[in-house]
Amino acid sequence: MSSVDERGPRDRDTIERDLRVLAGVRDAYRERGATMPSFDQMDALLDELIAARGGGRHRREDDTSGARPSLWR
């Protein structure tokens, strides 16, 4: 799930599809009572979606949560 590859930035539909897949994964974890995966991947996809729309980031610049970018990017 890279925001930019050799063809350029991904389109909105692709990013939204990736978000739906991750939401499904989180639902499966919750149904099985497993430890939930981090929101980092979803955060990175939301940032990518906002950038595709020409906006800024969905998190504040002074975010001190310690979250790191997704390993899937």
N, C-alpha and C. Protein backbone atom coordinates (compact mmCIF):
# COMPACT_ATOMS: atom_id res chain seq x y z
N MET A 1 0.84 -1.18 0.00
CA MET A 1 0.00 0.00 0.00
C MET A 1 0.88 1.24 0.00
N SER A 2 1.39 1.51 -1.10
CA SER A 2 2.28 2.66 -1.20
C SER A 2 1.53 3.84 -1.77
N SER A 3 1.78 5.02 -1.22
CA SER A 3 1.09 6.20 -1.70
C SER A 3 1.59 6.61 -3.07
N VAL A 4 2.82 6.27 -3.40
CA VAL A 4 3.37 6.61 -4.71
C VAL A 4 4.17 5.41 -5.19
N ASP A 5 3.91 4.99 -6.41
CA ASP A 5 4.72 3.94 -7.01
C ASP A 5 5.24 4.43 -8.35
N GLU A 6 5.71 3.52 -9.19
CA GLU A 6 6.29 3.95 -10.46
C GLU A 6 5.27 4.60 -11.39
N ARG A 7 3.98 4.38 -11.15
CA ARG A 7 2.93 5.00 -11.97
C ARG A 7 2.42 6.30 -11.38
N GLY A 8 2.86 6.67 -10.19
CA GLY A 8 2.42 7.89 -9.55
C GLY A 8 1.49 7.63 -8.39
N PRO A 9 0.81 8.66 -7.87
CA PRO A 9 -0.07 8.50 -6.72
C PRO A 9 -1.25 7.59 -7.04
N ARG A 10 -1.74 6.90 -6.01
CA ARG A 10 -2.89 6.03 -6.20
C ARG A 10 -4.17 6.85 -6.22
N ASP A 11 -5.21 6.31 -6.85
CA ASP A 11 -6.47 7.04 -6.91
C ASP A 11 -7.31 6.79 -5.65
N ARG A 12 -8.32 7.60 -5.51
CA ARG A 12 -9.17 7.58 -4.32
C ARG A 12 -9.85 6.22 -4.14
N ASP A 13 -10.34 5.62 -5.23
CA ASP A 13 -11.02 4.33 -5.13
C ASP A 13 -10.09 3.25 -4.58
N THR A 14 -8.85 3.24 -5.00
CA THR A 14 -7.88 2.25 -4.52
C THR A 14 -7.62 2.43 -3.03
N ILE A 15 -7.44 3.66 -2.61
CA ILE A 15 -7.18 3.94 -1.20
C ILE A 15 -8.38 3.53 -0.35
N GLU A 16 -9.59 3.88 -0.82
CA GLU A 16 -10.79 3.53 -0.07
C GLU A 16 -10.98 2.01 -0.01
N ARG A 17 -10.63 1.30 -1.08
CA ARG A 17 -10.72 -0.16 -1.07
C ARG A 17 -9.77 -0.74 -0.01
N ASP A 18 -8.55 -0.19 0.07
CA ASP A 18 -7.60 -0.64 1.08
C ASP A 18 -8.13 -0.38 2.50
N LEU A 19 -8.78 0.76 2.70
CA LEU A 19 -9.38 1.06 4.01
C LEU A 19 -10.47 0.05 4.36
N ARG A 20 -11.29 -0.33 3.37
CA ARG A 20 -12.34 -1.33 3.62
C ARG A 20 -11.73 -2.68 3.98
N VAL A 21 -10.65 -3.06 3.31
CA VAL A 21 -9.98 -4.32 3.62
C VAL A 21 -9.48 -4.31 5.06
N LEU A 22 -8.80 -3.22 5.45
CA LEU A 22 -8.30 -3.13 6.82
C LEU A 22 -9.43 -3.13 7.85
N ALA A 23 -10.54 -2.48 7.52
CA ALA A 23 -11.69 -2.49 8.43
C ALA A 23 -12.20 -3.92 8.59
N GLY A 24 -12.22 -4.69 7.51
CA GLY A 24 -12.64 -6.08 7.59
C GLY A 24 -11.70 -6.92 8.44
N VAL A 25 -10.41 -6.65 8.32
CA VAL A 25 -9.42 -7.37 9.13
C VAL A 25 -9.64 -7.06 10.60
N ARG A 26 -9.86 -5.80 10.93
CA ARG A 26 -10.11 -5.43 12.33
C ARG A 26 -11.39 -6.08 12.85
N ASP A 27 -12.44 -6.16 12.00
CA ASP A 27 -13.67 -6.83 12.41
C ASP A 27 -13.41 -8.31 12.71
N ALA A 28 -12.62 -8.97 11.87
CA ALA A 28 -12.31 -10.39 12.08
C ALA A 28 -11.55 -10.59 13.39
N TYR A 29 -10.61 -9.69 13.68
CA TYR A 29 -9.88 -9.78 14.95
C TYR A 29 -10.84 -9.62 16.13
N ARG A 30 -11.73 -8.65 16.03
CA ARG A 30 -12.67 -8.37 17.12
C ARG A 30 -13.60 -9.56 17.33
N GLU A 31 -14.12 -10.17 16.25
CA GLU A 31 -15.02 -11.31 16.36
C GLU A 31 -14.36 -12.50 17.04
N ARG A 32 -13.06 -12.64 16.85
CA ARG A 32 -12.34 -13.77 17.44
C ARG A 32 -11.76 -13.45 18.82
N GLY A 33 -11.97 -12.24 19.27
CA GLY A 33 -11.47 -11.85 20.58
C GLY A 33 -9.97 -11.67 20.63
N ALA A 34 -9.35 -11.50 19.47
CA ALA A 34 -7.89 -11.35 19.40
C ALA A 34 -7.50 -9.90 19.70
N THR A 35 -6.22 -9.73 19.96
CA THR A 35 -5.68 -8.38 20.17
C THR A 35 -5.80 -7.61 18.86
N MET A 36 -6.36 -6.43 18.95
CA MET A 36 -6.60 -5.62 17.75
C MET A 36 -5.28 -5.08 17.19
N PRO A 37 -5.15 -5.10 15.85
CA PRO A 37 -3.96 -4.51 15.25
C PRO A 37 -3.97 -2.99 15.40
N SER A 38 -2.83 -2.41 15.23
CA SER A 38 -2.66 -0.96 15.37
C SER A 38 -3.49 -0.21 14.32
N PHE A 39 -3.81 1.02 14.65
CA PHE A 39 -4.49 1.91 13.71
C PHE A 39 -3.51 2.60 12.76
N ASP A 40 -2.21 2.35 12.90
CA ASP A 40 -1.21 3.05 12.10
C ASP A 40 -1.45 2.92 10.60
N GLN A 41 -1.82 1.73 10.15
CA GLN A 41 -2.05 1.52 8.72
C GLN A 41 -3.25 2.33 8.24
N MET A 42 -4.30 2.34 9.05
CA MET A 42 -5.47 3.13 8.67
C MET A 42 -5.16 4.62 8.69
N ASP A 43 -4.40 5.06 9.67
CA ASP A 43 -4.00 6.46 9.72
C ASP A 43 -3.23 6.86 8.47
N ALA A 44 -2.30 5.99 8.06
CA ALA A 44 -1.50 6.28 6.86
C ALA A 44 -2.39 6.35 5.62
N LEU A 45 -3.37 5.45 5.52
CA LEU A 45 -4.28 5.48 4.38
C LEU A 45 -5.17 6.72 4.41
N LEU A 46 -5.62 7.13 5.59
CA LEU A 46 -6.42 8.35 5.68
C LEU A 46 -5.59 9.57 5.28
N ASP A 47 -4.32 9.61 5.70
CA ASP A 47 -3.44 10.70 5.27
C ASP A 47 -3.31 10.70 3.74
N GLU A 48 -3.15 9.51 3.16
CA GLU A 48 -3.02 9.39 1.71
C GLU A 48 -4.30 9.85 1.00
N LEU A 49 -5.46 9.47 1.55
CA LEU A 49 -6.73 9.87 0.97
C LEU A 49 -6.90 11.38 1.01
N ILE A 50 -6.57 11.98 2.13
CA ILE A 50 -6.66 13.44 2.25
C ILE A 50 -5.71 14.12 1.28
N ALA A 51 -4.49 13.59 1.15
CA ALA A 51 -3.53 14.17 0.20
C ALA A 51 -4.03 14.04 -1.24
N ALA A 52 -4.71 12.93 -1.55
CA ALA A 52 -5.25 12.74 -2.89
C ALA A 52 -6.33 13.76 -3.20
N ARG A 53 -7.01 14.23 -2.16
CA ARG A 53 -8.03 15.27 -2.33
C ARG A 53 -7.43 16.67 -2.33
N GLY A 54 -6.13 16.76 -2.06
CA GLY A 54 -5.47 18.06 -2.05
C GLY A 54 -5.49 18.74 -0.70
N GLY A 55 -5.79 18.00 0.35
CA GLY A 55 -5.85 18.57 1.70
C GLY A 55 -4.59 18.29 2.48
N GLY A 56 -4.64 18.59 3.75
CA GLY A 56 -3.50 18.35 4.64
C GLY A 56 -3.58 16.98 5.26
N ARG A 57 -3.06 16.85 6.46
CA ARG A 57 -3.09 15.57 7.17
C ARG A 57 -4.30 15.53 8.09
N HIS A 58 -4.77 14.31 8.41
CA HIS A 58 -5.91 14.21 9.32
C HIS A 58 -5.47 14.26 10.77
N ARG A 59 -4.16 14.11 11.02
CA ARG A 59 -3.64 14.23 12.39
C ARG A 59 -2.95 15.58 12.52
N ARG A 60 -2.96 16.08 13.74
CA ARG A 60 -2.31 17.36 13.98
C ARG A 60 -0.80 17.21 13.87
N GLU A 61 -0.13 18.26 13.47
CA GLU A 61 1.32 18.24 13.32
C GLU A 61 2.03 18.03 14.65
N ASP A 62 1.41 18.46 15.76
CA ASP A 62 2.04 18.30 17.08
C ASP A 62 1.60 17.02 17.77
N ASP A 63 1.15 16.02 16.98
CA ASP A 63 0.72 14.73 17.53
C ASP A 63 1.88 14.06 18.24
N THR A 64 1.67 13.73 19.50
CA THR A 64 2.73 13.10 20.30
C THR A 64 2.36 11.67 20.66
N SER A 65 1.50 11.05 19.84
CA SER A 65 1.02 9.70 20.16
C SER A 65 2.10 8.64 20.02
N GLY A 66 3.18 8.95 19.30
CA GLY A 66 4.23 7.97 19.08
C GLY A 66 3.93 7.03 17.94
N ALA A 67 2.81 7.22 17.25
CA ALA A 67 2.45 6.35 16.12
C ALA A 67 3.45 6.55 14.99
N ARG A 68 3.81 5.44 14.38
CA ARG A 68 4.73 5.48 13.25
C ARG A 68 4.00 5.13 11.98
N PRO A 69 4.52 5.52 10.83
CA PRO A 69 3.85 5.19 9.57
C PRO A 69 3.73 3.68 9.41
N SER A 70 2.78 3.30 8.63
CA SER A 70 2.50 1.89 8.39
C SER A 70 3.69 1.16 7.77
N LEU A 71 3.85 -0.11 8.13
CA LEU A 71 4.86 -0.94 7.49
C LEU A 71 4.40 -1.40 6.12
N TRP A 72 3.12 -1.25 5.81
CA TRP A 72 2.60 -1.68 4.53
C TRP A 72 2.86 -0.68 3.44
N ARG A 73 3.27 0.52 3.79
CA ARG A 73 3.45 1.58 2.79
C ARG A 73 4.67 1.37 1.96
